[in-house]
Amino acid sequence: MFETTNLLWGVLFSSIGLGYFIFGKKQKHKVAFYTGISLMIFPYFITDQVILVITGIGLISLPYLIKKLL
């Protein structure tokens, strides 16, 4: 069963993912598009709070890191 904190973290990361998804779709930016999809989906599969937050922060920073590397 989900705890309240997992639910709130999931809502936070999913709403950020929705922003990435809309931006990626309108600007045809593939990295942002797929990052948005993964941010909206991954909270359903991770139940540990620490791993949830670390994965979410990593996914949020992914487009920035890819832009810096390329």
PDB file of N, CA and C in Angstrom:
ATOM      1  N   MET A   1       0.843  -1.185   0.000  1.00  0.00           N
ATOM      2  CA  MET A   1       0.000   0.000   0.000  1.00  0.00           C
ATOM      3  C   MET A   1       0.883   1.242   0.000  1.00  0.00           C
ATOM      4  N   PHE A   2       0.477   2.234  -0.734  1.00  0.00           N
ATOM      5  CA  PHE A   2       1.249   3.465  -0.813  1.00  0.00           C
ATOM      6  C   PHE A   2       1.119   4.279   0.469  1.00  0.00           C
ATOM      7  N   GLU A   3       2.204   4.892   0.833  1.00  0.00           N
ATOM      8  CA  GLU A   3       2.164   5.845   1.925  1.00  0.00           C
ATOM      9  C   GLU A   3       1.857   7.224   1.349  1.00  0.00           C
ATOM     10  N   THR A   4       1.543   8.155   2.207  1.00  0.00           N
ATOM     11  CA  THR A   4       1.188   9.499   1.764  1.00  0.00           C
ATOM     12  C   THR A   4       2.372  10.189   1.106  1.00  0.00           C
ATOM     13  N   THR A   5       3.566   9.990   1.659  1.00  0.00           N
ATOM     14  CA  THR A   5       4.735  10.660   1.077  1.00  0.00           C
ATOM     15  C   THR A   5       5.054  10.130  -0.316  1.00  0.00           C
ATOM     16  N   ASN A   6       4.888   8.823  -0.516  1.00  0.00           N
ATOM     17  CA  ASN A   6       5.101   8.275  -1.858  1.00  0.00           C
ATOM     18  C   ASN A   6       4.095   8.852  -2.845  1.00  0.00           C
ATOM     19  N   LEU A   7       2.870   9.014  -2.398  1.00  0.00           N
ATOM     20  CA  LEU A   7       1.838   9.585  -3.256  1.00  0.00           C
ATOM     21  C   LEU A   7       2.169  11.030  -3.628  1.00  0.00           C
ATOM     22  N   LEU A   8       2.615  11.810  -2.656  1.00  0.00           N
ATOM     23  CA  LEU A   8       2.962  13.208  -2.932  1.00  0.00           C
ATOM     24  C   LEU A   8       4.183  13.320  -3.838  1.00  0.00           C
ATOM     25  N   TRP A   9       5.196  12.498  -3.601  1.00  0.00           N
ATOM     26  CA  TRP A   9       6.360  12.515  -4.495  1.00  0.00           C
ATOM     27  C   TRP A   9       5.959  12.108  -5.909  1.00  0.00           C
ATOM     28  N   GLY A  10       5.070  11.113  -6.007  1.00  0.00           N
ATOM     29  CA  GLY A  10       4.601  10.683  -7.325  1.00  0.00           C
ATOM     30  C   GLY A  10       3.846  11.773  -8.054  1.00  0.00           C
ATOM     31  N   VAL A  11       3.010  12.517  -7.342  1.00  0.00           N
ATOM     32  CA  VAL A  11       2.272  13.625  -7.954  1.00  0.00           C
ATOM     33  C   VAL A  11       3.237  14.719  -8.395  1.00  0.00           C
ATOM     34  N   LEU A  12       4.230  15.011  -7.572  1.00  0.00           N
ATOM     35  CA  LEU A  12       5.215  16.044  -7.925  1.00  0.00           C
ATOM     36  C   LEU A  12       5.981  15.663  -9.187  1.00  0.00           C
ATOM     37  N   PHE A  13       6.524  14.451  -9.210  1.00  0.00           N
ATOM     38  CA  PHE A  13       7.316  14.039 -10.374  1.00  0.00           C
ATOM     39  C   PHE A  13       6.441  13.863 -11.611  1.00  0.00           C
ATOM     40  N   SER A  14       5.211  13.422 -11.438  1.00  0.00           N
ATOM     41  CA  SER A  14       4.319  13.280 -12.591  1.00  0.00           C
ATOM     42  C   SER A  14       3.926  14.630 -13.174  1.00  0.00           C
ATOM     43  N   SER A  15       3.739  15.624 -12.320  1.00  0.00           N
ATOM     44  CA  SER A  15       3.387  16.949 -12.845  1.00  0.00           C
ATOM     45  C   SER A  15       4.580  17.586 -13.555  1.00  0.00           C
ATOM     46  N   ILE A  16       5.771  17.384 -13.047  1.00  0.00           N
ATOM     47  CA  ILE A  16       6.963  17.867 -13.753  1.00  0.00           C
ATOM     48  C   ILE A  16       7.107  17.115 -15.073  1.00  0.00           C
ATOM     49  N   GLY A  17       6.817  15.811 -15.046  1.00  0.00           N
ATOM     50  CA  GLY A  17       6.859  15.009 -16.265  1.00  0.00           C
ATOM     51  C   GLY A  17       5.853  15.470 -17.303  1.00  0.00           C
ATOM     52  N   LEU A  18       4.686  15.900 -16.850  1.00  0.00           N
ATOM     53  CA  LEU A  18       3.689  16.424 -17.778  1.00  0.00           C
ATOM     54  C   LEU A  18       4.211  17.685 -18.459  1.00  0.00           C
ATOM     55  N   GLY A  19       4.898  18.521 -17.705  1.00  0.00           N
ATOM     56  CA  GLY A  19       5.503  19.717 -18.294  1.00  0.00           C
ATOM     57  C   GLY A  19       6.558  19.376 -19.332  1.00  0.00           C
ATOM     58  N   TYR A  20       7.412  18.417 -19.002  1.00  0.00           N
ATOM     59  CA  TYR A  20       8.415  17.955 -19.973  1.00  0.00           C
ATOM     60  C   TYR A  20       7.743  17.364 -21.208  1.00  0.00           C
ATOM     61  N   PHE A  21       6.691  16.583 -20.997  1.00  0.00           N
ATOM     62  CA  PHE A  21       5.986  15.943 -22.103  1.00  0.00           C
ATOM     63  C   PHE A  21       5.385  16.971 -23.052  1.00  0.00           C
ATOM     64  N   ILE A  22       4.699  17.959 -22.503  1.00  0.00           N
ATOM     65  CA  ILE A  22       4.077  18.992 -23.339  1.00  0.00           C
ATOM     66  C   ILE A  22       5.135  19.801 -24.071  1.00  0.00           C
ATOM     67  N   PHE A  23       6.214  20.170 -23.369  1.00  0.00           N
ATOM     68  CA  PHE A  23       7.298  20.915 -24.007  1.00  0.00           C
ATOM     69  C   PHE A  23       7.924  20.100 -25.134  1.00  0.00           C
ATOM     70  N   GLY A  24       8.206  18.830 -24.857  1.00  0.00           N
ATOM     71  CA  GLY A  24       8.826  17.974 -25.870  1.00  0.00           C
ATOM     72  C   GLY A  24       7.944  17.749 -27.072  1.00  0.00           C
ATOM     73  N   LYS A  25       6.647  17.660 -26.844  1.00  0.00           N
ATOM     74  CA  LYS A  25       5.715  17.442 -27.944  1.00  0.00           C
ATOM     75  C   LYS A  25       5.602  18.683 -28.821  1.00  0.00           C
ATOM     76  N   LYS A  26       5.499  19.857 -28.187  1.00  0.00           N
ATOM     77  CA  LYS A  26       5.334  21.088 -28.965  1.00  0.00           C
ATOM     78  C   LYS A  26       6.617  21.495 -29.686  1.00  0.00           C
ATOM     79  N   GLN A  27       7.757  21.312 -29.033  1.00  0.00           N
ATOM     80  CA  GLN A  27       9.028  21.726 -29.612  1.00  0.00           C
ATOM     81  C   GLN A  27       9.709  20.617 -30.417  1.00  0.00           C
ATOM     82  N   LYS A  28       9.089  19.429 -30.434  1.00  0.00           N
ATOM     83  CA  LYS A  28       9.651  18.253 -31.094  1.00  0.00           C
ATOM     84  C   LYS A  28      11.055  17.941 -30.547  1.00  0.00           C
ATOM     85  N   HIS A  29      11.149  17.984 -29.233  1.00  0.00           N
ATOM     86  CA  HIS A  29      12.389  17.704 -28.506  1.00  0.00           C
ATOM     87  C   HIS A  29      12.260  16.301 -27.920  1.00  0.00           C
ATOM     88  N   LYS A  30      12.943  15.329 -28.550  1.00  0.00           N
ATOM     89  CA  LYS A  30      12.740  13.929 -28.198  1.00  0.00           C
ATOM     90  C   LYS A  30      13.169  13.602 -26.770  1.00  0.00           C
ATOM     91  N   VAL A  31      14.261  14.175 -26.309  1.00  0.00           N
ATOM     92  CA  VAL A  31      14.748  13.873 -24.970  1.00  0.00           C
ATOM     93  C   VAL A  31      13.743  14.339 -23.918  1.00  0.00           C
ATOM     94  N   ALA A  32      13.230  15.546 -24.068  1.00  0.00           N
ATOM     95  CA  ALA A  32      12.238  16.055 -23.120  1.00  0.00           C
ATOM     96  C   ALA A  32      10.941  15.251 -23.197  1.00  0.00           C
ATOM     97  N   PHE A  33      10.555  14.863 -24.390  1.00  0.00           N
ATOM     98  CA  PHE A  33       9.336  14.087 -24.578  1.00  0.00           C
ATOM     99  C   PHE A  33       9.409  12.748 -23.840  1.00  0.00           C
ATOM    100  N   TYR A  34      10.478  11.990 -24.074  1.00  0.00           N
ATOM    101  CA  TYR A  34      10.613  10.685 -23.439  1.00  0.00           C
ATOM    102  C   TYR A  34      10.929  10.787 -21.943  1.00  0.00           C
ATOM    103  N   THR A  35      11.602  11.848 -21.537  1.00  0.00           N
ATOM    104  CA  THR A  35      11.824  12.067 -20.115  1.00  0.00           C
ATOM    105  C   THR A  35      10.499  12.353 -19.423  1.00  0.00           C
ATOM    106  N   GLY A  36       9.637  13.118 -20.060  1.00  0.00           N
ATOM    107  CA  GLY A  36       8.320  13.395 -19.501  1.00  0.00           C
ATOM    108  C   GLY A  36       7.488  12.138 -19.338  1.00  0.00           C
ATOM    109  N   ILE A  37       7.529  11.272 -20.325  1.00  0.00           N
ATOM    110  CA  ILE A  37       6.788  10.010 -20.230  1.00  0.00           C
ATOM    111  C   ILE A  37       7.330   9.163 -19.088  1.00  0.00           C
ATOM    112  N   SER A  38       8.650   9.072 -18.987  1.00  0.00           N
ATOM    113  CA  SER A  38       9.229   8.249 -17.929  1.00  0.00           C
ATOM    114  C   SER A  38       8.976   8.853 -16.547  1.00  0.00           C
ATOM    115  N   LEU A  39       8.961  10.189 -16.432  1.00  0.00           N
ATOM    116  CA  LEU A  39       8.650  10.816 -15.145  1.00  0.00           C
ATOM    117  C   LEU A  39       7.205  10.581 -14.726  1.00  0.00           C
ATOM    118  N   MET A  40       6.313  10.445 -15.685  1.00  0.00           N
ATOM    119  CA  MET A  40       4.922  10.193 -15.343  1.00  0.00           C
ATOM    120  C   MET A  40       4.674   8.734 -14.990  1.00  0.00           C
ATOM    121  N   ILE A  41       5.509   7.823 -15.478  1.00  0.00           N
ATOM    122  CA  ILE A  41       5.261   6.397 -15.283  1.00  0.00           C
ATOM    123  C   ILE A  41       6.040   5.800 -14.109  1.00  0.00           C
ATOM    124  N   PHE A  42       7.269   6.225 -13.873  1.00  0.00           N
ATOM    125  CA  PHE A  42       8.121   5.518 -12.921  1.00  0.00           C
ATOM    126  C   PHE A  42       7.621   5.512 -11.478  1.00  0.00           C
ATOM    127  N   PRO A  43       6.852   6.496 -10.973  1.00  0.00           N
ATOM    128  CA  PRO A  43       6.398   6.391  -9.571  1.00  0.00           C
ATOM    129  C   PRO A  43       5.484   5.198  -9.296  1.00  0.00           C
ATOM    130  N   TYR A  44       4.882   4.618 -10.321  1.00  0.00           N
ATOM    131  CA  TYR A  44       4.026   3.458 -10.123  1.00  0.00           C
ATOM    132  C   TYR A  44       4.825   2.200  -9.780  1.00  0.00           C
ATOM    133  N   PHE A  45       6.096   2.160 -10.160  1.00  0.00           N
ATOM    134  CA  PHE A  45       6.888   0.952 -10.013  1.00  0.00           C
ATOM    135  C   PHE A  45       7.879   0.992  -8.859  1.00  0.00           C
ATOM    136  N   ILE A  46       8.135   2.150  -8.279  1.00  0.00           N
ATOM    137  CA  ILE A  46       9.113   2.279  -7.206  1.00  0.00           C
ATOM    138  C   ILE A  46       8.379   2.614  -5.912  1.00  0.00           C
ATOM    139  N   THR A  47       8.595   1.808  -4.882  1.00  0.00           N
ATOM    140  CA  THR A  47       7.910   2.025  -3.612  1.00  0.00           C
ATOM    141  C   THR A  47       8.821   2.594  -2.536  1.00  0.00           C
ATOM    142  N   ASP A  48      10.129   2.460  -2.671  1.00  0.00           N
ATOM    143  CA  ASP A  48      11.058   3.008  -1.687  1.00  0.00           C
ATOM    144  C   ASP A  48      11.212   4.512  -1.907  1.00  0.00           C
ATOM    145  N   GLN A  49      11.068   5.290  -0.843  1.00  0.00           N
ATOM    146  CA  GLN A  49      11.055   6.748  -0.967  1.00  0.00           C
ATOM    147  C   GLN A  49      12.398   7.305  -1.434  1.00  0.00           C
ATOM    148  N   VAL A  50      13.480   6.760  -0.905  1.00  0.00           N
ATOM    149  CA  VAL A  50      14.807   7.284  -1.258  1.00  0.00           C
ATOM    150  C   VAL A  50      15.098   7.028  -2.729  1.00  0.00           C
ATOM    151  N   ILE A  51      14.826   5.828  -3.182  1.00  0.00           N
ATOM    152  CA  ILE A  51      15.057   5.499  -4.591  1.00  0.00           C
ATOM    153  C   ILE A  51      14.132   6.307  -5.488  1.00  0.00           C
ATOM    154  N   LEU A  52      12.906   6.532  -5.027  1.00  0.00           N
ATOM    155  CA  LEU A  52      11.943   7.338  -5.785  1.00  0.00           C
ATOM    156  C   LEU A  52      12.458   8.759  -5.996  1.00  0.00           C
ATOM    157  N   VAL A  53      12.960   9.380  -4.942  1.00  0.00           N
ATOM    158  CA  VAL A  53      13.452  10.761  -5.038  1.00  0.00           C
ATOM    159  C   VAL A  53      14.726  10.819  -5.876  1.00  0.00           C
ATOM    160  N   ILE A  54      15.649   9.885  -5.667  1.00  0.00           N
ATOM    161  CA  ILE A  54      16.901   9.890  -6.436  1.00  0.00           C
ATOM    162  C   ILE A  54      16.626   9.675  -7.918  1.00  0.00           C
ATOM    163  N   THR A  55      15.752   8.740  -8.235  1.00  0.00           N
ATOM    164  CA  THR A  55      15.406   8.488  -9.644  1.00  0.00           C
ATOM    165  C   THR A  55      14.704   9.689 -10.260  1.00  0.00           C
ATOM    166  N   GLY A  56      13.794  10.302  -9.516  1.00  0.00           N
ATOM    167  CA  GLY A  56      13.093  11.484 -10.020  1.00  0.00           C
ATOM    168  C   GLY A  56      14.019  12.644 -10.291  1.00  0.00           C
ATOM    169  N   ILE A  57      14.926  12.918  -9.372  1.00  0.00           N
ATOM    170  CA  ILE A  57      15.885  14.011  -9.573  1.00  0.00           C
ATOM    171  C   ILE A  57      16.808  13.697 -10.749  1.00  0.00           C
ATOM    172  N   GLY A  58      17.207  12.440 -10.859  1.00  0.00           N
ATOM    173  CA  GLY A  58      18.049  12.044 -11.991  1.00  0.00           C
ATOM    174  C   GLY A  58      17.345  12.223 -13.324  1.00  0.00           C
ATOM    175  N   LEU A  59      16.077  11.839 -13.379  1.00  0.00           N
ATOM    176  CA  LEU A  59      15.325  12.008 -14.628  1.00  0.00           C
ATOM    177  C   LEU A  59      15.057  13.476 -14.945  1.00  0.00           C
ATOM    178  N   ILE A  60      14.815  14.277 -13.918  1.00  0.00           N
ATOM    179  CA  ILE A  60      14.594  15.704 -14.148  1.00  0.00           C
ATOM    180  C   ILE A  60      15.850  16.359 -14.725  1.00  0.00           C
ATOM    181  N   SER A  61      17.016  15.947 -14.248  1.00  0.00           N
ATOM    182  CA  SER A  61      18.264  16.561 -14.712  1.00  0.00           C
ATOM    183  C   SER A  61      18.786  15.934 -16.006  1.00  0.00           C
ATOM    184  N   LEU A  62      18.175  14.866 -16.472  1.00  0.00           N
ATOM    185  CA  LEU A  62      18.650  14.165 -17.667  1.00  0.00           C
ATOM    186  C   LEU A  62      18.716  15.047 -18.921  1.00  0.00           C
ATOM    187  N   PRO A  63      17.685  15.809 -19.279  1.00  0.00           N
ATOM    188  CA  PRO A  63      17.804  16.643 -20.489  1.00  0.00           C
ATOM    189  C   PRO A  63      18.927  17.680 -20.388  1.00  0.00           C
ATOM    190  N   TYR A  64      19.111  18.244 -19.203  1.00  0.00           N
ATOM    191  CA  TYR A  64      20.186  19.217 -19.018  1.00  0.00           C
ATOM    192  C   TYR A  64      21.552  18.549 -19.197  1.00  0.00           C
ATOM    193  N   LEU A  65      21.735  17.367 -18.630  1.00  0.00           N
ATOM    194  CA  LEU A  65      23.015  16.671 -18.745  1.00  0.00           C
ATOM    195  C   LEU A  65      23.295  16.244 -20.180  1.00  0.00           C
ATOM    196  N   ILE A  66      22.286  15.782 -20.881  1.00  0.00           N
ATOM    197  CA  ILE A  66      22.475  15.391 -22.286  1.00  0.00           C
ATOM    198  C   ILE A  66      22.827  16.608 -23.137  1.00  0.00           C
ATOM    199  N   LYS A  67      22.197  17.739 -22.840  1.00  0.00           N
ATOM    200  CA  LYS A  67      22.501  18.963 -23.590  1.00  0.00           C
ATOM    201  C   LYS A  67      23.942  19.396 -23.343  1.00  0.00           C
ATOM    202  N   LYS A  68      24.416  19.274 -22.098  1.00  0.00           N
ATOM    203  CA  LYS A  68      25.792  19.660 -21.778  1.00  0.00           C
ATOM    204  C   LYS A  68      26.800  18.731 -22.426  1.00  0.00           C
ATOM    205  N   LEU A  69      26.487  17.434 -22.494  1.00  0.00           N
ATOM    206  CA  LEU A  69      27.415  16.470 -23.072  1.00  0.00           C
ATOM    207  C   LEU A  69      27.464  16.545 -24.580  1.00  0.00           C
ATOM    208  N   LEU A  70      26.369  16.913 -25.196  1.00  0.00           N
ATOM    209  CA  LEU A  70      26.338  16.959 -26.663  1.00  0.00           C
ATOM    210  C   LEU A  70      26.551  18.368 -27.071  1.00  0.00           C
TER     211      LEU A  70
END
